[in-house]
Amino acid sequence: MKTNHRRSFVARPHRDQAMFKTSAAAPLSGKSFGASIGNDFTNGNRGMAKSKRGAKKFIRSRIRHHENAATRKLVHEDNA
């Protein structure tokens, strides 16, 4: 049977992403956001990767939402 890797291939172990923390600031709105993931991964490495991706997505979406709101507020103040 064919395999998709060379002979004597050994995959590197995944880096443990437990207790990952990230934060970012939204300069226009003046707010900062943070997110972290715990240590309970029920689906192995895929669960760990999805948890990290979810934390990063949360930060990006919150920043985008508050920056858009601040931009709308500035536009509204300029027109008034």
N, C-alpha and C. Protein backbone atom coordinates (compact mmCIF):
# COMPACT_ATOMS: atom_id res chain seq x y z
N MET A 1 0.84 -1.18 0.00
CA MET A 1 0.00 0.00 0.00
C MET A 1 0.89 1.24 0.00
N LYS A 2 0.50 2.23 -0.77
CA LYS A 2 1.26 3.48 -0.83
C LYS A 2 0.97 4.32 0.40
N THR A 3 1.99 5.04 0.84
CA THR A 3 1.81 5.97 1.94
C THR A 3 2.18 7.36 1.46
N ASN A 4 1.77 8.36 2.19
CA ASN A 4 2.03 9.74 1.80
C ASN A 4 3.26 10.31 2.47
N HIS A 5 4.16 9.45 2.90
CA HIS A 5 5.39 9.94 3.50
C HIS A 5 6.53 8.98 3.19
N ARG A 6 7.72 9.46 3.35
CA ARG A 6 8.89 8.66 3.04
C ARG A 6 9.15 7.63 4.13
N ARG A 7 9.96 6.66 3.81
CA ARG A 7 10.34 5.66 4.80
C ARG A 7 11.07 6.31 5.95
N SER A 8 10.93 5.73 7.10
CA SER A 8 11.54 6.19 8.35
C SER A 8 11.09 7.59 8.74
N PHE A 9 9.95 8.02 8.22
CA PHE A 9 9.40 9.32 8.58
C PHE A 9 8.84 9.24 9.99
N VAL A 10 9.20 10.24 10.80
CA VAL A 10 8.66 10.33 12.15
C VAL A 10 8.14 11.75 12.33
N ALA A 11 6.86 11.86 12.59
CA ALA A 11 6.27 13.19 12.76
C ALA A 11 6.73 13.79 14.08
N ARG A 12 6.98 15.10 14.06
CA ARG A 12 7.36 15.78 15.29
C ARG A 12 6.14 15.90 16.20
N PRO A 13 6.32 15.83 17.49
CA PRO A 13 5.17 15.99 18.38
C PRO A 13 4.67 17.42 18.35
N HIS A 14 3.39 17.58 18.59
CA HIS A 14 2.79 18.90 18.58
C HIS A 14 3.21 19.67 19.83
N ARG A 15 3.38 20.96 19.66
CA ARG A 15 3.73 21.81 20.79
C ARG A 15 2.51 21.97 21.69
N ASP A 16 2.70 21.87 22.97
CA ASP A 16 1.59 21.98 23.91
C ASP A 16 1.15 23.44 24.00
N GLN A 17 -0.09 23.72 23.65
CA GLN A 17 -0.62 25.07 23.64
C GLN A 17 -1.48 25.36 24.88
N ALA A 18 -1.41 24.50 25.88
CA ALA A 18 -2.23 24.69 27.07
C ALA A 18 -1.88 26.01 27.75
N MET A 19 -2.88 26.65 28.31
CA MET A 19 -2.75 27.90 29.03
C MET A 19 -2.26 29.04 28.12
N PHE A 20 -2.57 28.97 26.84
CA PHE A 20 -2.20 30.01 25.88
C PHE A 20 -2.96 31.29 26.21
N LYS A 21 -2.28 32.42 26.18
CA LYS A 21 -2.91 33.72 26.43
C LYS A 21 -2.52 34.67 25.32
N THR A 22 -3.44 35.54 24.96
CA THR A 22 -3.16 36.57 23.99
C THR A 22 -3.99 37.80 24.31
N SER A 23 -3.49 38.94 23.91
CA SER A 23 -4.22 40.17 24.11
C SER A 23 -3.86 41.15 23.00
N ALA A 24 -4.74 42.11 22.80
CA ALA A 24 -4.51 43.12 21.77
C ALA A 24 -5.29 44.37 22.14
N ALA A 25 -4.83 45.49 21.63
CA ALA A 25 -5.48 46.77 21.90
C ALA A 25 -6.08 47.32 20.62
N ALA A 26 -7.22 47.97 20.76
CA ALA A 26 -7.87 48.64 19.65
C ALA A 26 -7.57 50.13 19.80
N PRO A 27 -6.68 50.68 18.99
CA PRO A 27 -6.24 52.06 19.21
C PRO A 27 -7.32 53.12 19.00
N LEU A 28 -8.19 52.92 18.06
CA LEU A 28 -9.21 53.93 17.76
C LEU A 28 -10.26 54.02 18.85
N SER A 29 -10.68 52.88 19.37
CA SER A 29 -11.70 52.88 20.42
C SER A 29 -11.09 52.97 21.81
N GLY A 30 -9.79 52.73 21.94
CA GLY A 30 -9.13 52.83 23.23
C GLY A 30 -9.42 51.67 24.16
N LYS A 31 -9.79 50.54 23.63
CA LYS A 31 -10.10 49.37 24.45
C LYS A 31 -9.07 48.28 24.21
N SER A 32 -8.92 47.41 25.19
CA SER A 32 -8.03 46.27 25.03
C SER A 32 -8.78 45.00 25.39
N PHE A 33 -8.41 43.91 24.76
CA PHE A 33 -9.10 42.64 24.93
C PHE A 33 -8.07 41.55 25.15
N GLY A 34 -8.47 40.55 25.91
CA GLY A 34 -7.60 39.42 26.16
C GLY A 34 -8.40 38.13 26.15
N ALA A 35 -7.73 37.04 25.84
CA ALA A 35 -8.37 35.73 25.84
C ALA A 35 -7.32 34.68 26.19
N SER A 36 -7.76 33.61 26.80
CA SER A 36 -6.85 32.52 27.12
C SER A 36 -7.61 31.21 27.00
N ILE A 37 -6.87 30.13 26.86
CA ILE A 37 -7.48 28.80 26.79
C ILE A 37 -6.99 28.00 27.98
N GLY A 38 -7.77 27.04 28.37
CA GLY A 38 -7.44 26.24 29.54
C GLY A 38 -6.57 25.05 29.18
N ASN A 39 -6.73 23.99 29.95
CA ASN A 39 -5.88 22.81 29.78
C ASN A 39 -6.72 21.57 29.54
N ASP A 40 -8.01 21.71 29.24
CA ASP A 40 -8.88 20.56 29.07
C ASP A 40 -9.18 20.37 27.60
N PHE A 41 -8.44 19.49 26.94
CA PHE A 41 -8.63 19.22 25.53
C PHE A 41 -9.15 17.80 25.40
N THR A 42 -10.37 17.65 24.93
CA THR A 42 -10.99 16.34 24.87
C THR A 42 -10.76 15.64 23.54
N ASN A 43 -10.22 16.35 22.56
CA ASN A 43 -10.07 15.76 21.24
C ASN A 43 -8.61 15.79 20.80
N GLY A 44 -7.69 15.62 21.71
CA GLY A 44 -6.27 15.54 21.36
C GLY A 44 -5.73 16.84 20.81
N ASN A 45 -4.82 16.73 19.87
CA ASN A 45 -4.16 17.91 19.32
C ASN A 45 -5.13 18.79 18.53
N ARG A 46 -6.13 18.19 17.90
CA ARG A 46 -7.09 18.99 17.15
C ARG A 46 -7.87 19.90 18.10
N GLY A 47 -8.24 19.40 19.26
CA GLY A 47 -8.94 20.21 20.23
C GLY A 47 -8.09 21.37 20.71
N MET A 48 -6.81 21.13 20.88
CA MET A 48 -5.89 22.18 21.31
C MET A 48 -5.79 23.25 20.23
N ALA A 49 -5.66 22.84 18.99
CA ALA A 49 -5.53 23.80 17.89
C ALA A 49 -6.81 24.61 17.72
N LYS A 50 -7.96 23.96 17.85
CA LYS A 50 -9.23 24.67 17.68
C LYS A 50 -9.46 25.65 18.82
N SER A 51 -9.01 25.30 20.02
CA SER A 51 -9.16 26.22 21.15
C SER A 51 -8.33 27.47 20.94
N LYS A 52 -7.11 27.29 20.47
CA LYS A 52 -6.23 28.44 20.23
C LYS A 52 -6.82 29.31 19.12
N ARG A 53 -7.29 28.67 18.06
CA ARG A 53 -7.88 29.42 16.95
C ARG A 53 -9.11 30.20 17.40
N GLY A 54 -9.91 29.60 18.27
CA GLY A 54 -11.08 30.28 18.78
C GLY A 54 -10.74 31.51 19.61
N ALA A 55 -9.67 31.40 20.43
CA ALA A 55 -9.25 32.55 21.24
C ALA A 55 -8.76 33.69 20.35
N LYS A 56 -7.98 33.35 19.33
CA LYS A 56 -7.49 34.38 18.41
C LYS A 56 -8.63 35.01 17.63
N LYS A 57 -9.61 34.18 17.22
CA LYS A 57 -10.76 34.70 16.48
C LYS A 57 -11.59 35.62 17.36
N PHE A 58 -11.73 35.29 18.64
CA PHE A 58 -12.47 36.13 19.57
C PHE A 58 -11.84 37.51 19.67
N ILE A 59 -10.51 37.55 19.82
CA ILE A 59 -9.80 38.83 19.93
C ILE A 59 -10.00 39.66 18.66
N ARG A 60 -9.80 39.04 17.51
CA ARG A 60 -9.92 39.77 16.24
C ARG A 60 -11.33 40.30 16.02
N SER A 61 -12.33 39.49 16.33
CA SER A 61 -13.70 39.93 16.10
C SER A 61 -14.10 41.05 17.05
N ARG A 62 -13.67 40.99 18.31
CA ARG A 62 -13.98 42.05 19.27
C ARG A 62 -13.31 43.36 18.86
N ILE A 63 -12.05 43.29 18.43
CA ILE A 63 -11.36 44.50 17.99
C ILE A 63 -12.05 45.08 16.77
N ARG A 64 -12.40 44.22 15.80
CA ARG A 64 -13.06 44.71 14.60
C ARG A 64 -14.39 45.37 14.94
N HIS A 65 -15.16 44.75 15.82
CA HIS A 65 -16.46 45.31 16.20
C HIS A 65 -16.30 46.68 16.85
N HIS A 66 -15.40 46.82 17.80
CA HIS A 66 -15.26 48.09 18.51
C HIS A 66 -14.59 49.17 17.66
N GLU A 67 -13.70 48.77 16.77
CA GLU A 67 -13.09 49.75 15.87
C GLU A 67 -14.13 50.26 14.86
N ASN A 68 -14.97 49.36 14.35
CA ASN A 68 -16.03 49.79 13.43
C ASN A 68 -17.01 50.72 14.13
N ALA A 69 -17.35 50.40 15.38
CA ALA A 69 -18.27 51.25 16.13
C ALA A 69 -17.65 52.62 16.37
N ALA A 70 -16.37 52.67 16.70
CA ALA A 70 -15.70 53.94 16.93
C ALA A 70 -15.62 54.76 15.64
N THR A 71 -15.39 54.08 14.52
CA THR A 71 -15.35 54.77 13.22
C THR A 71 -16.71 55.37 12.89
N ARG A 72 -17.78 54.58 13.10
CA ARG A 72 -19.12 55.10 12.85
C ARG A 72 -19.43 56.29 13.75
N LYS A 73 -18.99 56.23 14.99
CA LYS A 73 -19.22 57.32 15.93
C LYS A 73 -18.49 58.59 15.47
N LEU A 74 -17.25 58.45 15.01
CA LEU A 74 -16.50 59.60 14.51
C LEU A 74 -17.16 60.21 13.29
N VAL A 75 -17.61 59.38 12.38
CA VAL A 75 -18.27 59.87 11.18
C VAL A 75 -19.56 60.60 11.55
N HIS A 76 -20.30 60.04 12.47
CA HIS A 76 -21.55 60.66 12.90
C HIS A 76 -21.29 62.01 13.59
N GLU A 77 -20.23 62.10 14.40
CA GLU A 77 -19.90 63.35 15.08
C GLU A 77 -19.45 64.41 14.08
N ASP A 78 -18.72 64.01 13.04
CA ASP A 78 -18.24 64.96 12.04
C ASP A 78 -19.39 65.52 11.22
N ASN A 79 -20.41 64.69 10.94
CA ASN A 79 -21.54 65.14 10.13
C ASN A 79 -22.53 65.97 10.94
N ALA A 80 -22.52 65.82 12.25
CA ALA A 80 -23.50 66.53 13.08
C ALA A 80 -23.08 67.94 13.39
